[in-house]
Amino acid sequence: MRFSKPPKTFAEQVQLLIDKGMVIEDTARACRYLSHISYYRLFFIQHCPAV
C-alpha cells in the first residue's frame, strides 16, 4: 500500500497539538514523549476526562 502523504515529524506533531489548544512549555520534551507514545495517545490524555 502506498500512502499519499508523508509522515509528520515529531516537531510537526507537537505543533499540531499546540494548534489544537494543548499547552506545551517544552517542545523538545514533548518530542521525546512522542518518540515513545503515539500522537493519538497524547491527544487522548489531554482531551478526555479521567475515568
PDB file of N, CA and C in Angstrom:
ATOM      1  N   MET A   1       0.843  -1.175   0.000  1.00  0.00           N
ATOM      2  CA  MET A   1       0.000   0.000   0.000  1.00  0.00           C
ATOM      3  C   MET A   1       0.890   1.241   0.000  1.00  0.00           C
ATOM      4  N   ARG A   2       0.595   2.158  -0.850  1.00  0.00           N
ATOM      5  CA  ARG A   2       1.337   3.417  -0.913  1.00  0.00           C
ATOM      6  C   ARG A   2       0.489   4.514  -0.285  1.00  0.00           C
ATOM      7  N   PHE A   3       1.130   5.323   0.517  1.00  0.00           N
ATOM      8  CA  PHE A   3       0.437   6.427   1.177  1.00  0.00           C
ATOM      9  C   PHE A   3       0.678   7.710   0.387  1.00  0.00           C
ATOM     10  N   SER A   4      -0.345   8.542   0.316  1.00  0.00           N
ATOM     11  CA  SER A   4      -0.233   9.767  -0.476  1.00  0.00           C
ATOM     12  C   SER A   4       0.452  10.907   0.282  1.00  0.00           C
ATOM     13  N   LYS A   5       0.449  10.843   1.616  1.00  0.00           N
ATOM     14  CA  LYS A   5       1.076  11.904   2.398  1.00  0.00           C
ATOM     15  C   LYS A   5       2.267  11.344   3.166  1.00  0.00           C
ATOM     16  N   PRO A   6       3.345  12.104   3.245  1.00  0.00           N
ATOM     17  CA  PRO A   6       4.491  11.649   4.040  1.00  0.00           C
ATOM     18  C   PRO A   6       4.166  11.764   5.535  1.00  0.00           C
ATOM     19  N   PRO A   7       4.810  10.966   6.378  1.00  0.00           N
ATOM     20  CA  PRO A   7       4.555  11.062   7.829  1.00  0.00           C
ATOM     21  C   PRO A   7       5.050  12.394   8.375  1.00  0.00           C
ATOM     22  N   LYS A   8       4.400  12.863   9.424  1.00  0.00           N
ATOM     23  CA  LYS A   8       4.808  14.110  10.069  1.00  0.00           C
ATOM     24  C   LYS A   8       5.931  13.824  11.063  1.00  0.00           C
ATOM     25  N   THR A   9       6.834  14.769  11.177  1.00  0.00           N
ATOM     26  CA  THR A   9       7.907  14.650  12.157  1.00  0.00           C
ATOM     27  C   THR A   9       7.329  14.871  13.548  1.00  0.00           C
ATOM     28  N   PHE A  10       8.106  14.537  14.577  1.00  0.00           N
ATOM     29  CA  PHE A  10       7.644  14.770  15.945  1.00  0.00           C
ATOM     30  C   PHE A  10       7.400  16.254  16.183  1.00  0.00           C
ATOM     31  N   ALA A  11       8.255  17.107  15.642  1.00  0.00           N
ATOM     32  CA  ALA A  11       8.079  18.554  15.803  1.00  0.00           C
ATOM     33  C   ALA A  11       6.779  19.026  15.151  1.00  0.00           C
ATOM     34  N   GLU A  12       6.451  18.474  13.987  1.00  0.00           N
ATOM     35  CA  GLU A  12       5.189  18.835  13.320  1.00  0.00           C
ATOM     36  C   GLU A  12       3.990  18.333  14.128  1.00  0.00           C
ATOM     37  N   GLN A  13       4.115  17.165  14.731  1.00  0.00           N
ATOM     38  CA  GLN A  13       3.030  16.636  15.558  1.00  0.00           C
ATOM     39  C   GLN A  13       2.829  17.501  16.799  1.00  0.00           C
ATOM     40  N   VAL A  14       3.924  17.951  17.404  1.00  0.00           N
ATOM     41  CA  VAL A  14       3.824  18.836  18.567  1.00  0.00           C
ATOM     42  C   VAL A  14       3.125  20.128  18.164  1.00  0.00           C
ATOM     43  N   GLN A  15       3.468  20.671  17.013  1.00  0.00           N
ATOM     44  CA  GLN A  15       2.819  21.900  16.546  1.00  0.00           C
ATOM     45  C   GLN A  15       1.325  21.687  16.329  1.00  0.00           C
ATOM     46  N   LEU A  16       0.940  20.528  15.822  1.00  0.00           N
ATOM     47  CA  LEU A  16      -0.490  20.221  15.662  1.00  0.00           C
ATOM     48  C   LEU A  16      -1.207  20.220  17.011  1.00  0.00           C
ATOM     49  N   LEU A  17      -0.573  19.629  18.021  1.00  0.00           N
ATOM     50  CA  LEU A  17      -1.175  19.612  19.361  1.00  0.00           C
ATOM     51  C   LEU A  17      -1.319  21.023  19.907  1.00  0.00           C
ATOM     52  N   ILE A  18      -0.308  21.853  19.708  1.00  0.00           N
ATOM     53  CA  ILE A  18      -0.370  23.254  20.147  1.00  0.00           C
ATOM     54  C   ILE A  18      -1.488  23.980  19.408  1.00  0.00           C
ATOM     55  N   ASP A  19      -1.594  23.759  18.105  1.00  0.00           N
ATOM     56  CA  ASP A  19      -2.644  24.401  17.306  1.00  0.00           C
ATOM     57  C   ASP A  19      -4.041  23.980  17.757  1.00  0.00           C
ATOM     58  N   LYS A  20      -4.148  22.771  18.317  1.00  0.00           N
ATOM     59  CA  LYS A  20      -5.440  22.273  18.797  1.00  0.00           C
ATOM     60  C   LYS A  20      -5.726  22.677  20.237  1.00  0.00           C
ATOM     61  N   GLY A  21      -4.822  23.467  20.845  1.00  0.00           N
ATOM     62  CA  GLY A  21      -5.089  24.013  22.168  1.00  0.00           C
ATOM     63  C   GLY A  21      -4.301  23.414  23.317  1.00  0.00           C
ATOM     64  N   MET A  22      -3.450  22.435  23.072  1.00  0.00           N
ATOM     65  CA  MET A  22      -2.664  21.866  24.150  1.00  0.00           C
ATOM     66  C   MET A  22      -1.550  22.843  24.521  1.00  0.00           C
ATOM     67  N   VAL A  23      -1.370  23.055  25.803  1.00  0.00           N
ATOM     68  CA  VAL A  23      -0.304  23.935  26.279  1.00  0.00           C
ATOM     69  C   VAL A  23       0.949  23.089  26.468  1.00  0.00           C
ATOM     70  N   ILE A  24       1.979  23.408  25.715  1.00  0.00           N
ATOM     71  CA  ILE A  24       3.243  22.683  25.774  1.00  0.00           C
ATOM     72  C   ILE A  24       4.344  23.700  26.008  1.00  0.00           C
ATOM     73  N   GLU A  25       4.985  23.609  27.174  1.00  0.00           N
ATOM     74  CA  GLU A  25       6.039  24.553  27.513  1.00  0.00           C
ATOM     75  C   GLU A  25       7.393  24.132  26.965  1.00  0.00           C
ATOM     76  N   ASP A  26       7.646  22.839  26.912  1.00  0.00           N
ATOM     77  CA  ASP A  26       8.952  22.327  26.472  1.00  0.00           C
ATOM     78  C   ASP A  26       8.735  21.438  25.247  1.00  0.00           C
ATOM     79  N   THR A  27       8.934  22.009  24.060  1.00  0.00           N
ATOM     80  CA  THR A  27       8.659  21.250  22.836  1.00  0.00           C
ATOM     81  C   THR A  27       9.636  20.094  22.637  1.00  0.00           C
ATOM     82  N   ALA A  28      10.870  20.258  23.085  1.00  0.00           N
ATOM     83  CA  ALA A  28      11.843  19.162  22.962  1.00  0.00           C
ATOM     84  C   ALA A  28      11.407  17.968  23.804  1.00  0.00           C
ATOM     85  N   ARG A  29      10.909  18.241  24.995  1.00  0.00           N
ATOM     86  CA  ARG A  29      10.427  17.152  25.865  1.00  0.00           C
ATOM     87  C   ARG A  29       9.201  16.487  25.250  1.00  0.00           C
ATOM     88  N   ALA A  30       8.322  17.288  24.686  1.00  0.00           N
ATOM     89  CA  ALA A  30       7.135  16.732  24.032  1.00  0.00           C
ATOM     90  C   ALA A  30       7.541  15.830  22.866  1.00  0.00           C
ATOM     91  N   CYS A  31       8.552  16.221  22.119  1.00  0.00           N
ATOM     92  CA  CYS A  31       9.051  15.378  21.015  1.00  0.00           C
ATOM     93  C   CYS A  31       9.595  14.059  21.540  1.00  0.00           C
ATOM     94  N   ARG A  32      10.287  14.110  22.686  1.00  0.00           N
ATOM     95  CA  ARG A  32      10.799  12.864  23.277  1.00  0.00           C
ATOM     96  C   ARG A  32       9.645  11.949  23.687  1.00  0.00           C
ATOM     97  N   TYR A  33       8.595  12.518  24.284  1.00  0.00           N
ATOM     98  CA  TYR A  33       7.431  11.714  24.659  1.00  0.00           C
ATOM     99  C   TYR A  33       6.805  11.078  23.419  1.00  0.00           C
ATOM    100  N   LEU A  34       6.680  11.859  22.364  1.00  0.00           N
ATOM    101  CA  LEU A  34       6.070  11.331  21.141  1.00  0.00           C
ATOM    102  C   LEU A  34       6.903  10.220  20.508  1.00  0.00           C
ATOM    103  N   SER A  35       8.187  10.194  20.788  1.00  0.00           N
ATOM    104  CA  SER A  35       9.008   9.111  20.246  1.00  0.00           C
ATOM    105  C   SER A  35       8.742   7.789  20.967  1.00  0.00           C
ATOM    106  N   HIS A  36       8.067   7.858  22.125  1.00  0.00           N
ATOM    107  CA  HIS A  36       7.768   6.656  22.903  1.00  0.00           C
ATOM    108  C   HIS A  36       6.286   6.302  22.909  1.00  0.00           C
ATOM    109  N   ILE A  37       5.436   7.317  22.839  1.00  0.00           N
ATOM    110  CA  ILE A  37       3.990   7.068  22.783  1.00  0.00           C
ATOM    111  C   ILE A  37       3.440   7.749  21.541  1.00  0.00           C
ATOM    112  N   SER A  38       2.273   7.394  21.125  1.00  0.00           N
ATOM    113  CA  SER A  38       1.738   7.936  19.877  1.00  0.00           C
ATOM    114  C   SER A  38       1.090   9.314  20.067  1.00  0.00           C
ATOM    115  N   TYR A  39       0.974  10.010  18.966  1.00  0.00           N
ATOM    116  CA  TYR A  39       0.284  11.308  18.924  1.00  0.00           C
ATOM    117  C   TYR A  39      -1.131  11.169  19.457  1.00  0.00           C
ATOM    118  N   TYR A  40      -1.820  10.114  19.038  1.00  0.00           N
ATOM    119  CA  TYR A  40      -3.216   9.933  19.422  1.00  0.00           C
ATOM    120  C   TYR A  40      -3.360   9.657  20.903  1.00  0.00           C
ATOM    121  N   ARG A  41      -2.430   8.939  21.497  1.00  0.00           N
ATOM    122  CA  ARG A  41      -2.490   8.688  22.940  1.00  0.00           C
ATOM    123  C   ARG A  41      -2.290   9.994  23.706  1.00  0.00           C
ATOM    124  N   LEU A  42      -1.334  10.804  23.295  1.00  0.00           N
ATOM    125  CA  LEU A  42      -1.094  12.082  23.955  1.00  0.00           C
ATOM    126  C   LEU A  42      -2.295  13.007  23.779  1.00  0.00           C
ATOM    127  N   PHE A  43      -2.884  13.024  22.595  1.00  0.00           N
ATOM    128  CA  PHE A  43      -4.072  13.831  22.335  1.00  0.00           C
ATOM    129  C   PHE A  43      -5.236  13.359  23.205  1.00  0.00           C
ATOM    130  N   PHE A  44      -5.402  12.036  23.349  1.00  0.00           N
ATOM    131  CA  PHE A  44      -6.466  11.461  24.163  1.00  0.00           C
ATOM    132  C   PHE A  44      -6.317  11.867  25.622  1.00  0.00           C
ATOM    133  N   ILE A  45      -5.092  11.806  26.132  1.00  0.00           N
ATOM    134  CA  ILE A  45      -4.839  12.175  27.528  1.00  0.00           C
ATOM    135  C   ILE A  45      -5.264  13.603  27.782  1.00  0.00           C
ATOM    136  N   GLN A  46      -5.007  14.493  26.836  1.00  0.00           N
ATOM    137  CA  GLN A  46      -5.338  15.898  27.003  1.00  0.00           C
ATOM    138  C   GLN A  46      -6.841  16.156  26.920  1.00  0.00           C
ATOM    139  N   HIS A  47      -7.549  15.467  26.033  1.00  0.00           N
ATOM    140  CA  HIS A  47      -8.931  15.845  25.730  1.00  0.00           C
ATOM    141  C   HIS A  47     -10.016  14.957  26.314  1.00  0.00           C
ATOM    142  N   CYS A  48      -9.653  13.883  26.966  1.00  0.00           N
ATOM    143  CA  CYS A  48     -10.665  13.010  27.547  1.00  0.00           C
ATOM    144  C   CYS A  48     -10.618  13.101  29.059  1.00  0.00           C
ATOM    145  N   PRO A  49     -11.799  13.189  29.669  1.00  0.00           N
ATOM    146  CA  PRO A  49     -11.825  13.289  31.142  1.00  0.00           C
ATOM    147  C   PRO A  49     -11.348  11.989  31.788  1.00  0.00           C
ATOM    148  N   ALA A  50     -10.866  12.116  32.998  1.00  0.00           N
ATOM    149  CA  ALA A  50     -10.420  10.927  33.743  1.00  0.00           C
ATOM    150  C   ALA A  50     -11.623  10.031  34.023  1.00  0.00           C
ATOM    151  N   VAL A  51     -11.378   8.758  33.971  1.00  0.00           N
ATOM    152  CA  VAL A  51     -12.462   7.789  34.198  1.00  0.00           C
ATOM    153  C   VAL A  51     -12.478   7.398  35.652  1.00  0.00           C
TER     154      VAL A  51
END
